[in-house]
PDB file of N, CA and C in Angstrom:
ATOM      1  N   UNK A   1     111.446  74.958  94.064  1.00  0.00           N
ATOM      2  CA  UNK A   1     110.319  74.177  93.536  1.00  0.00           C
ATOM      3  C   UNK A   1     110.152  73.016  94.230  1.00  0.00           C
ATOM      4  N   UNK A   2     111.344  72.133  94.667  1.00  0.00           N
ATOM      5  CA  UNK A   2     110.972  71.204  95.505  1.00  0.00           C
ATOM      6  C   UNK A   2     110.381  71.183  96.843  1.00  0.00           C
ATOM      7  N   UNK A   3     110.584  72.423  97.331  1.00  0.00           N
ATOM      8  CA  UNK A   3     109.927  72.936  98.630  1.00  0.00           C
ATOM      9  C   UNK A   3     108.378  72.985  98.520  1.00  0.00           C
ATOM     10  N   UNK A   4     108.114  73.565  97.409  1.00  0.00           N
ATOM     11  CA  UNK A   4     106.627  73.901  96.964  1.00  0.00           C
ATOM     12  C   UNK A   4     106.095  72.370  96.692  1.00  0.00           C
ATOM     13  N   UNK A   5     106.745  71.665  95.751  1.00  0.00           N
ATOM     14  CA  UNK A   5     106.223  70.199  95.719  1.00  0.00           C
ATOM     15  C   UNK A   5     105.901  69.351  96.736  1.00  0.00           C
ATOM     16  N   UNK A   6     106.902  69.554  97.664  1.00  0.00           N
ATOM     17  CA  UNK A   6     106.887  68.754  99.180  1.00  0.00           C
ATOM     18  C   UNK A   6     105.596  69.350  99.910  1.00  0.00           C
ATOM     19  N   UNK A   7     105.372  70.613  99.965  1.00  0.00           N
ATOM     20  CA  UNK A   7     104.385  71.114 100.567  1.00  0.00           C
ATOM     21  C   UNK A   7     102.957  70.820  99.775  1.00  0.00           C
ATOM     22  N   UNK A   8     103.048  70.617  98.589  1.00  0.00           N
ATOM     23  CA  UNK A   8     101.844  70.330  97.996  1.00  0.00           C
ATOM     24  C   UNK A   8     101.523  68.924  98.141  1.00  0.00           C
ATOM     25  N   UNK A   9     102.525  68.039  98.327  1.00  0.00           N
ATOM     26  CA  UNK A   9     102.375  66.579  98.502  1.00  0.00           C
ATOM     27  C   UNK A   9     101.916  66.427  99.857  1.00  0.00           C
ATOM     28  N   UNK A  10     102.398  67.167 100.784  1.00  0.00           N
ATOM     29  CA  UNK A  10     101.822  67.198 102.415  1.00  0.00           C
ATOM     30  C   UNK A  10     100.355  67.695 102.488  1.00  0.00           C
ATOM     31  N   UNK A  11      99.834  68.551 101.770  1.00  0.00           N
ATOM     32  CA  UNK A  11      98.488  69.080 101.628  1.00  0.00           C
ATOM     33  C   UNK A  11      97.639  67.889 100.895  1.00  0.00           C
ATOM     34  N   UNK A  12      98.203  67.506  99.961  1.00  0.00           N
ATOM     35  CA  UNK A  12      97.302  66.326  99.324  1.00  0.00           C
ATOM     36  C   UNK A  12      97.153  65.236 100.049  1.00  0.00           C
ATOM     37  N   UNK A  13      98.143  64.938 100.929  1.00  0.00           N
ATOM     38  CA  UNK A  13      98.300  63.754 101.726  1.00  0.00           C
ATOM     39  C   UNK A  13      97.410  64.090 103.096  1.00  0.00           C
ATOM     40  N   UNK A  14      96.853  65.214 103.102  1.00  0.00           N
ATOM     41  CA  UNK A  14      96.130  65.631 104.619  1.00  0.00           C
ATOM     42  C   UNK A  14      97.090  65.545 105.579  1.00  0.00           C
ATOM     43  N   UNK A  15      98.404  65.789 105.595  1.00  0.00           N
ATOM     44  CA  UNK A  15      99.223  65.767 106.605  1.00  0.00           C
ATOM     45  C   UNK A  15      99.134  67.247 107.322  1.00  0.00           C
ATOM     46  N   UNK A  16      99.303  67.162 108.633  1.00  0.00           N
ATOM     47  CA  UNK A  16      99.341  68.600 109.512  1.00  0.00           C
ATOM     48  C   UNK A  16     100.481  69.543 108.962  1.00  0.00           C
ATOM     49  N   UNK A  17      99.957  70.550 108.412  1.00  0.00           N
ATOM     50  CA  UNK A  17     100.971  71.783 108.002  1.00  0.00           C
ATOM     51  C   UNK A  17     100.466  72.965 108.601  1.00  0.00           C
ATOM     52  N   UNK A  18     101.280  73.855 109.094  1.00  0.00           N
ATOM     53  CA  UNK A  18     100.791  75.163 109.570  1.00  0.00           C
ATOM     54  C   UNK A  18     100.628  75.877 108.156  1.00  0.00           C
ATOM     55  N   UNK A  19      99.561  76.659 108.236  1.00  0.00           N
ATOM     56  CA  UNK A  19      99.118  77.512 107.108  1.00  0.00           C
ATOM     57  C   UNK A  19     100.194  78.526 106.822  1.00  0.00           C
ATOM     58  N   UNK A  20     100.629  79.019 107.741  1.00  0.00           N
ATOM     59  CA  UNK A  20     101.772  80.162 107.569  1.00  0.00           C
ATOM     60  C   UNK A  20     103.220  79.598 106.883  1.00  0.00           C
ATOM     61  N   UNK A  21     103.405  78.299 107.086  1.00  0.00           N
ATOM     62  CA  UNK A  21     104.494  77.576 106.519  1.00  0.00           C
ATOM     63  C   UNK A  21     104.556  77.483 104.995  1.00  0.00           C
ATOM     64  N   UNK A  22     103.211  76.947 104.803  1.00  0.00           N
ATOM     65  CA  UNK A  22     102.884  76.785 103.263  1.00  0.00           C
ATOM     66  C   UNK A  22     102.829  78.100 102.574  1.00  0.00           C
ATOM     67  N   UNK A  23     102.016  79.202 103.299  1.00  0.00           N
ATOM     68  CA  UNK A  23     102.088  80.514 102.828  1.00  0.00           C
ATOM     69  C   UNK A  23     103.452  80.946 102.321  1.00  0.00           C
ATOM     70  N   UNK A  24     104.618  80.824 103.416  1.00  0.00           N
ATOM     71  CA  UNK A  24     105.791  81.351 103.360  1.00  0.00           C
ATOM     72  C   UNK A  24     106.636  80.693 102.002  1.00  0.00           C
ATOM     73  N   UNK A  25     106.338  79.223 102.030  1.00  0.00           N
ATOM     74  CA  UNK A  25     106.992  78.486 100.908  1.00  0.00           C
ATOM     75  C   UNK A  25     106.633  78.853  99.488  1.00  0.00           C
ATOM     76  N   UNK A  26     105.341  79.255  99.411  1.00  0.00           N
ATOM     77  CA  UNK A  26     104.543  79.624  98.083  1.00  0.00           C
ATOM     78  C   UNK A  26     105.341  81.075  97.825  1.00  0.00           C
ATOM     79  N   UNK A  27     105.013  81.842  98.930  1.00  0.00           N
ATOM     80  CA  UNK A  27     105.430  83.266  98.538  1.00  0.00           C
ATOM     81  C   UNK A  27     106.760  83.068  98.239  1.00  0.00           C
ATOM     82  N   UNK A  28     107.763  82.628  99.029  1.00  0.00           N
ATOM     83  CA  UNK A  28     109.265  82.583  98.359  1.00  0.00           C
ATOM     84  C   UNK A  28     109.514  82.121  97.037  1.00  0.00           C
ATOM     85  N   UNK A  29     108.638  81.119  96.688  1.00  0.00           N
ATOM     86  CA  UNK A  29     108.629  80.597  95.469  1.00  0.00           C
ATOM     87  C   UNK A  29     108.149  81.725  94.380  1.00  0.00           C
ATOM     88  N   UNK A  30     107.089  82.374  94.644  1.00  0.00           N
ATOM     89  CA  UNK A  30     106.785  83.550  93.931  1.00  0.00           C
ATOM     90  C   UNK A  30     107.766  84.446  93.578  1.00  0.00           C
ATOM     91  N   UNK A  31     108.365  84.967  94.607  1.00  0.00           N
ATOM     92  CA  UNK A  31     109.282  85.938  94.667  1.00  0.00           C
ATOM     93  C   UNK A  31     110.495  85.546  93.875  1.00  0.00           C
ATOM     94  N   UNK A  32     111.073  84.123  94.052  1.00  0.00           N
ATOM     95  CA  UNK A  32     112.119  83.697  93.245  1.00  0.00           C
ATOM     96  C   UNK A  32     111.724  83.793  91.856  1.00  0.00           C
ATOM     97  N   UNK A  33     110.833  83.368  91.462  1.00  0.00           N
ATOM     98  CA  UNK A  33     110.070  83.303  90.000  1.00  0.00           C
ATOM     99  C   UNK A  33     110.133  84.801  89.483  1.00  0.00           C
ATOM    100  N   UNK A  34     109.694  85.649  90.108  1.00  0.00           N
ATOM    101  CA  UNK A  34     109.516  87.002  89.834  1.00  0.00           C
ATOM    102  C   UNK A  34     110.965  87.596  89.400  1.00  0.00           C
ATOM    103  N   UNK A  35     111.751  87.348  90.297  1.00  0.00           N
ATOM    104  CA  UNK A  35     113.256  87.710  90.248  1.00  0.00           C
ATOM    105  C   UNK A  35     113.987  87.196  88.892  1.00  0.00           C
ATOM    106  N   UNK A  36     113.521  85.801  88.544  1.00  0.00           N
ATOM    107  CA  UNK A  36     114.019  84.976  87.608  1.00  0.00           C
ATOM    108  C   UNK A  36     113.649  85.545  86.285  1.00  0.00           C
ATOM    109  N   UNK A  37     111.990  85.782  86.140  1.00  0.00           N
ATOM    110  CA  UNK A  37     111.488  86.519  84.982  1.00  0.00           C
ATOM    111  C   UNK A  37     112.057  87.966  84.728  1.00  0.00           C
ATOM    112  N   UNK A  38     112.325  88.714  85.616  1.00  0.00           N
ATOM    113  CA  UNK A  38     112.992  90.044  85.776  1.00  0.00           C
ATOM    114  C   UNK A  38     114.319  89.910  85.061  1.00  0.00           C
ATOM    115  N   UNK A  39     114.971  89.028  85.393  1.00  0.00           N
ATOM    116  CA  UNK A  39     116.323  88.822  84.901  1.00  0.00           C
ATOM    117  C   UNK A  39     116.301  88.266  83.503  1.00  0.00           C
ATOM    118  N   UNK A  40     115.379  87.494  83.145  1.00  0.00           N
ATOM    119  CA  UNK A  40     115.203  87.054  81.713  1.00  0.00           C
ATOM    120  C   UNK A  40     114.985  88.167  80.796  1.00  0.00           C
ATOM    121  N   UNK A  41     113.917  88.990  81.370  1.00  0.00           N
ATOM    122  CA  UNK A  41     113.560  90.303  80.629  1.00  0.00           C
ATOM    123  C   UNK A  41     114.588  91.175  80.357  1.00  0.00           C
ATOM    124  N   UNK A  42     115.520  91.391  81.501  1.00  0.00           N
ATOM    125  CA  UNK A  42     116.403  92.495  81.454  1.00  0.00           C
ATOM    126  C   UNK A  42     117.605  91.994  80.748  1.00  0.00           C
ATOM    127  N   UNK A  43     118.085  90.721  80.887  1.00  0.00           N
ATOM    128  CA  UNK A  43     119.396  90.285  80.283  1.00  0.00           C
ATOM    129  C   UNK A  43     119.252  89.142  79.160  1.00  0.00           C
ATOM    130  N   UNK A  44     118.494  88.314  79.428  1.00  0.00           N
ATOM    131  CA  UNK A  44     118.467  87.116  78.499  1.00  0.00           C
ATOM    132  C   UNK A  44     117.827  87.396  77.155  1.00  0.00           C
ATOM    133  N   UNK A  45     116.597  87.938  77.161  1.00  0.00           N
ATOM    134  CA  UNK A  45     115.915  88.249  75.779  1.00  0.00           C
ATOM    135  C   UNK A  45     116.565  89.272  74.987  1.00  0.00           C
ATOM    136  N   UNK A  46     117.085  90.443  75.829  1.00  0.00           N
ATOM    137  CA  UNK A  46     117.827  91.312  74.819  1.00  0.00           C
ATOM    138  C   UNK A  46     119.027  90.804  73.999  1.00  0.00           C
ATOM    139  N   UNK A  47     119.608  89.818  74.786  1.00  0.00           N
ATOM    140  CA  UNK A  47     120.845  89.278  74.417  1.00  0.00           C
ATOM    141  C   UNK A  47     120.365  88.287  73.119  1.00  0.00           C
ATOM    142  N   UNK A  48     119.331  87.642  73.360  1.00  0.00           N
ATOM    143  CA  UNK A  48     118.916  86.620  72.370  1.00  0.00           C
ATOM    144  C   UNK A  48     118.373  87.350  71.138  1.00  0.00           C
ATOM    145  N   UNK A  49     117.864  88.448  71.325  1.00  0.00           N
ATOM    146  CA  UNK A  49     117.342  89.310  70.213  1.00  0.00           C
ATOM    147  C   UNK A  49     118.703  89.864  69.136  1.00  0.00           C
ATOM    148  N   UNK A  50     119.626  89.976  70.186  1.00  0.00           N
ATOM    149  CA  UNK A  50     121.001  90.554  69.372  1.00  0.00           C
ATOM    150  C   UNK A  50     121.673  89.401  68.799  1.00  0.00           C
ATOM    151  N   UNK A  51     121.753  88.263  69.203  1.00  0.00           N
ATOM    152  CA  UNK A  51     122.700  87.094  68.993  1.00  0.00           C
ATOM    153  C   UNK A  51     122.027  86.143  68.060  1.00  0.00           C
ATOM    154  N   UNK A  52     120.653  85.729  68.114  1.00  0.00           N
ATOM    155  CA  UNK A  52     120.211  85.049  67.280  1.00  0.00           C
ATOM    156  C   UNK A  52     119.722  85.424  65.774  1.00  0.00           C
ATOM    157  N   UNK A  53     119.995  84.611  64.883  1.00  0.00           N
ATOM    158  CA  UNK A  53     119.607  84.733  63.445  1.00  0.00           C
ATOM    159  C   UNK A  53     118.202  84.419  63.110  1.00  0.00           C
ATOM    160  N   UNK A  54     117.720  84.731  61.951  1.00  0.00           N
ATOM    161  CA  UNK A  54     116.316  84.280  61.665  1.00  0.00           C
ATOM    162  C   UNK A  54     116.275  82.680  61.571  1.00  0.00           C
ATOM    163  N   UNK A  55     117.183  82.252  61.044  1.00  0.00           N
ATOM    164  CA  UNK A  55     116.979  80.583  61.026  1.00  0.00           C
ATOM    165  C   UNK A  55     117.023  80.066  62.467  1.00  0.00           C
ATOM    166  N   UNK A  56     117.636  80.584  63.384  1.00  0.00           N
ATOM    167  CA  UNK A  56     117.726  80.274  64.906  1.00  0.00           C
ATOM    168  C   UNK A  56     116.169  80.182  65.377  1.00  0.00           C
ATOM    169  N   UNK A  57     115.485  81.330  65.145  1.00  0.00           N
ATOM    170  CA  UNK A  57     114.117  81.785  65.381  1.00  0.00           C
ATOM    171  C   UNK A  57     113.173  80.774  64.966  1.00  0.00           C
ATOM    172  N   UNK A  58     113.459  80.249  63.610  1.00  0.00           N
ATOM    173  CA  UNK A  58     112.768  79.213  63.010  1.00  0.00           C
ATOM    174  C   UNK A  58     113.056  77.904  63.672  1.00  0.00           C
ATOM    175  N   UNK A  59     114.120  77.364  64.078  1.00  0.00           N
ATOM    176  CA  UNK A  59     114.466  76.419  64.676  1.00  0.00           C
ATOM    177  C   UNK A  59     113.684  76.310  66.159  1.00  0.00           C
ATOM    178  N   UNK A  60     113.637  77.446  66.798  1.00  0.00           N
ATOM    179  CA  UNK A  60     113.058  77.711  67.995  1.00  0.00           C
ATOM    180  C   UNK A  60     111.691  77.344  68.118  1.00  0.00           C
ATOM    181  N   UNK A  61     110.995  78.057  67.051  1.00  0.00           N
ATOM    182  CA  UNK A  61     109.655  78.179  66.726  1.00  0.00           C
ATOM    183  C   UNK A  61     109.260  76.668  66.513  1.00  0.00           C
ATOM    184  N   UNK A  62     109.949  75.906  65.650  1.00  0.00           N
ATOM    185  CA  UNK A  62     109.617  74.527  65.288  1.00  0.00           C
ATOM    186  C   UNK A  62     109.697  73.768  66.410  1.00  0.00           C
ATOM    187  N   UNK A  63     110.562  73.820  67.460  1.00  0.00           N
ATOM    188  CA  UNK A  63     110.695  73.191  68.574  1.00  0.00           C
ATOM    189  C   UNK A  63     109.616  73.311  69.495  1.00  0.00           C
ATOM    190  N   UNK A  64     109.125  74.342  69.516  1.00  0.00           N
ATOM    191  CA  UNK A  64     108.050  74.854  70.481  1.00  0.00           C
ATOM    192  C   UNK A  64     106.561  74.423  70.113  1.00  0.00           C
ATOM    193  N   UNK A  65     106.295  74.005  68.939  1.00  0.00           N
ATOM    194  CA  UNK A  65     105.171  73.567  68.245  1.00  0.00           C
ATOM    195  C   UNK A  65     104.644  72.402  68.901  1.00  0.00           C
ATOM    196  N   UNK A  66     105.309  71.694  69.419  1.00  0.00           N
ATOM    197  CA  UNK A  66     104.930  70.249  70.240  1.00  0.00           C
ATOM    198  C   UNK A  66     105.514  70.209  71.516  1.00  0.00           C
ATOM    199  N   UNK A  67     105.317  71.276  72.527  1.00  0.00           N
ATOM    200  CA  UNK A  67     105.973  71.259  73.657  1.00  0.00           C
ATOM    201  C   UNK A  67     105.476  69.884  74.517  1.00  0.00           C
ATOM    202  N   UNK A  68     106.292  69.350  75.358  1.00  0.00           N
ATOM    203  CA  UNK A  68     105.712  68.284  76.045  1.00  0.00           C
ATOM    204  C   UNK A  68     106.194  68.801  77.330  1.00  0.00           C
ATOM    205  N   UNK A  69     105.545  69.481  77.961  1.00  0.00           N
ATOM    206  CA  UNK A  69     105.844  70.112  79.352  1.00  0.00           C
ATOM    207  C   UNK A  69     104.945  69.439  80.294  1.00  0.00           C
ATOM    208  N   UNK A  70     105.598  68.672  81.221  1.00  0.00           N
ATOM    209  CA  UNK A  70     105.044  67.908  82.117  1.00  0.00           C
ATOM    210  C   UNK A  70     104.027  68.745  83.219  1.00  0.00           C
ATOM    211  N   UNK A  71     104.253  70.007  83.179  1.00  0.00           N
ATOM    212  CA  UNK A  71     103.381  70.780  84.171  1.00  0.00           C
ATOM    213  C   UNK A  71     101.918  70.997  83.456  1.00  0.00           C
ATOM    214  N   UNK A  72     101.968  70.881  82.127  1.00  0.00           N
ATOM    215  CA  UNK A  72     100.622  70.786  81.387  1.00  0.00           C
ATOM    216  C   UNK A  72      99.958  69.587  81.073  1.00  0.00           C
ATOM    217  N   UNK A  73     100.281  68.519  81.751  1.00  0.00           N
ATOM    218  CA  UNK A  73      99.886  67.233  81.420  1.00  0.00           C
ATOM    219  C   UNK A  73      98.680  67.020  81.951  1.00  0.00           C
ATOM    220  N   UNK A  74      97.778  65.967  81.668  1.00  0.00           N
ATOM    221  CA  UNK A  74      96.604  65.551  82.198  1.00  0.00           C
ATOM    222  C   UNK A  74      96.906  65.308  83.840  1.00  0.00           C
ATOM    223  N   UNK A  75      97.887  64.373  83.869  1.00  0.00           N
ATOM    224  CA  UNK A  75      98.181  64.151  85.365  1.00  0.00           C
ATOM    225  C   UNK A  75      98.590  65.365  86.226  1.00  0.00           C
ATOM    226  N   UNK A  76      99.171  66.418  85.820  1.00  0.00           N
ATOM    227  CA  UNK A  76      99.399  67.630  86.433  1.00  0.00           C
ATOM    228  C   UNK A  76      98.094  68.449  86.760  1.00  0.00           C
ATOM    229  N   UNK A  77      97.371  68.625  85.718  1.00  0.00           N
ATOM    230  CA  UNK A  77      95.882  68.977  85.905  1.00  0.00           C
ATOM    231  C   UNK A  77      95.110  68.477  87.116  1.00  0.00           C
ATOM    232  N   UNK A  78      95.008  67.068  86.889  1.00  0.00           N
ATOM    233  CA  UNK A  78      94.314  66.519  87.980  1.00  0.00           C
ATOM    234  C   UNK A  78      94.862  66.758  89.401  1.00  0.00           C
ATOM    235  N   UNK A  79      96.254  66.785  89.549  1.00  0.00           N
ATOM    236  CA  UNK A  79      96.971  67.066  90.831  1.00  0.00           C
ATOM    237  C   UNK A  79      96.719  68.593  91.181  1.00  0.00           C
ATOM    238  N   UNK A  80      96.629  69.551  90.367  1.00  0.00           N
ATOM    239  CA  UNK A  80      96.352  70.777  90.515  1.00  0.00           C
ATOM    240  C   UNK A  80      94.866  71.168  90.890  1.00  0.00           C
ATOM    241  N   UNK A  81      93.936  70.418  90.480  1.00  0.00           N
ATOM    242  CA  UNK A  81      92.540  70.312  90.573  1.00  0.00           C
ATOM    243  C   UNK A  81      92.189  69.828  92.137  1.00  0.00           C
ATOM    244  N   UNK A  82      92.937  68.781  92.446  1.00  0.00           N
ATOM    245  CA  UNK A  82      92.762  68.235  93.818  1.00  0.00           C
ATOM    246  C   UNK A  82      93.269  69.088  94.757  1.00  0.00           C
ATOM    247  N   UNK A  83      94.470  69.764  94.470  1.00  0.00           N
ATOM    248  CA  UNK A  83      95.004  70.647  95.483  1.00  0.00           C
ATOM    249  C   UNK A  83      94.351  71.919  95.606  1.00  0.00           C
ATOM    250  N   UNK A  84      93.747  72.356  94.598  1.00  0.00           N
ATOM    251  CA  UNK A  84      92.766  73.747  94.716  1.00  0.00           C
ATOM    252  C   UNK A  84      91.589  73.366  95.470  1.00  0.00           C
ATOM    253  N   UNK A  85      90.971  72.073  95.285  1.00  0.00           N
ATOM    254  CA  UNK A  85      89.765  71.666  96.118  1.00  0.00           C
ATOM    255  C   UNK A  85      90.113  71.591  97.492  1.00  0.00           C
ATOM    256  N   UNK A  86      91.365  71.046  97.801  1.00  0.00           N
ATOM    257  CA  UNK A  86      91.680  70.882  99.103  1.00  0.00           C
ATOM    258  C   UNK A  86      91.961  72.286  99.879  1.00  0.00           C
ATOM    259  N   UNK A  87      92.503  73.246  99.072  1.00  0.00           N
ATOM    260  CA  UNK A  87      92.916  74.492  99.500  1.00  0.00           C
ATOM    261  C   UNK A  87      91.488  75.154  99.828  1.00  0.00           C
ATOM    262  N   UNK A  88      90.822  75.033  99.008  1.00  0.00           N
ATOM    263  CA  UNK A  88      89.361  75.709  99.356  1.00  0.00           C
ATOM    264  C   UNK A  88      88.622  75.013 100.373  1.00  0.00           C
ATOM    265  N   UNK A  89      88.631  73.737 100.490  1.00  0.00           N
ATOM    266  CA  UNK A  89      88.076  73.106 101.649  1.00  0.00           C
ATOM    267  C   UNK A  89      88.782  73.652 102.963  1.00  0.00           C
ATOM    268  N   UNK A  90      90.079  73.799 103.088  1.00  0.00           N
ATOM    269  CA  UNK A  90      90.773  74.216 104.307  1.00  0.00           C
ATOM    270  C   UNK A  90      90.436  75.602 104.536  1.00  0.00           C
ATOM    271  N   UNK A  91      90.188  76.354 103.431  1.00  0.00           N
ATOM    272  CA  UNK A  91      89.761  77.859 103.672  1.00  0.00           C
ATOM    273  C   UNK A  91      88.442  77.798 104.283  1.00  0.00           C
ATOM    274  N   UNK A  92      87.465  77.018 103.800  1.00  0.00           N
ATOM    275  CA  UNK A  92      86.040  77.208 104.353  1.00  0.00           C
ATOM    276  C   UNK A  92      86.188  76.584 105.658  1.00  0.00           C
ATOM    277  N   UNK A  93      87.016  75.665 106.033  1.00  0.00           N
ATOM    278  CA  UNK A  93      87.138  75.221 107.414  1.00  0.00           C
ATOM    279  C   UNK A  93      87.482  76.244 108.253  1.00  0.00           C
ATOM    280  N   UNK A  94      88.568  76.838 107.904  1.00  0.00           N
ATOM    281  CA  UNK A  94      89.069  77.979 108.670  1.00  0.00           C
ATOM    282  C   UNK A  94      88.076  78.964 108.881  1.00  0.00           C
ATOM    283  N   UNK A  95      87.588  79.490 107.804  1.00  0.00           N
ATOM    284  CA  UNK A  95      86.341  80.383 108.047  1.00  0.00           C
ATOM    285  C   UNK A  95      85.426  79.953 108.994  1.00  0.00           C
ATOM    286  N   UNK A  96      84.924  78.885 109.104  1.00  0.00           N
ATOM    287  CA  UNK A  96      84.032  78.382 109.998  1.00  0.00           C
ATOM    288  C   UNK A  96      84.449  78.391 111.380  1.00  0.00           C
ATOM    289  N   UNK A  97      85.622  77.995 111.552  1.00  0.00           N
ATOM    290  CA  UNK A  97      86.297  78.159 112.820  1.00  0.00           C
ATOM    291  C   UNK A  97      86.270  79.473 113.397  1.00  0.00           C
ATOM    292  N   UNK A  98      86.432  80.548 112.750  1.00  0.00           N
ATOM    293  CA  UNK A  98      86.336  81.979 113.137  1.00  0.00           C
ATOM    294  C   UNK A  98      85.146  82.414 113.503  1.00  0.00           C
ATOM    295  N   UNK A  99      84.015  81.683 113.035  1.00  0.00           N
ATOM    296  CA  UNK A  99      82.735  82.360 113.500  1.00  0.00           C
ATOM    297  C   UNK A  99      81.964  81.466 114.468  1.00  0.00           C
TER     298      UNK A  99
END
């Protein structure tokens, strides 16, 4: 995640980056996340279903009713919007250079 964050910071700061480097970093992150999710689905969630009692699930549901995930904050949304716009701009510039 740090590598992705660093790459995003560099893109947002308009620093020179090779597109293939950013691509490799993001693809590596996605692959890691997919393996992590598969492991959760295969190992963690079945174990949780077996081990947790109804009151445990109630407590979990209660804790999740007001999640304060920084990934979904207003500031994060603004950062992602700026990154999305910058990526689209770079894509348009690269497309223009090819023609």
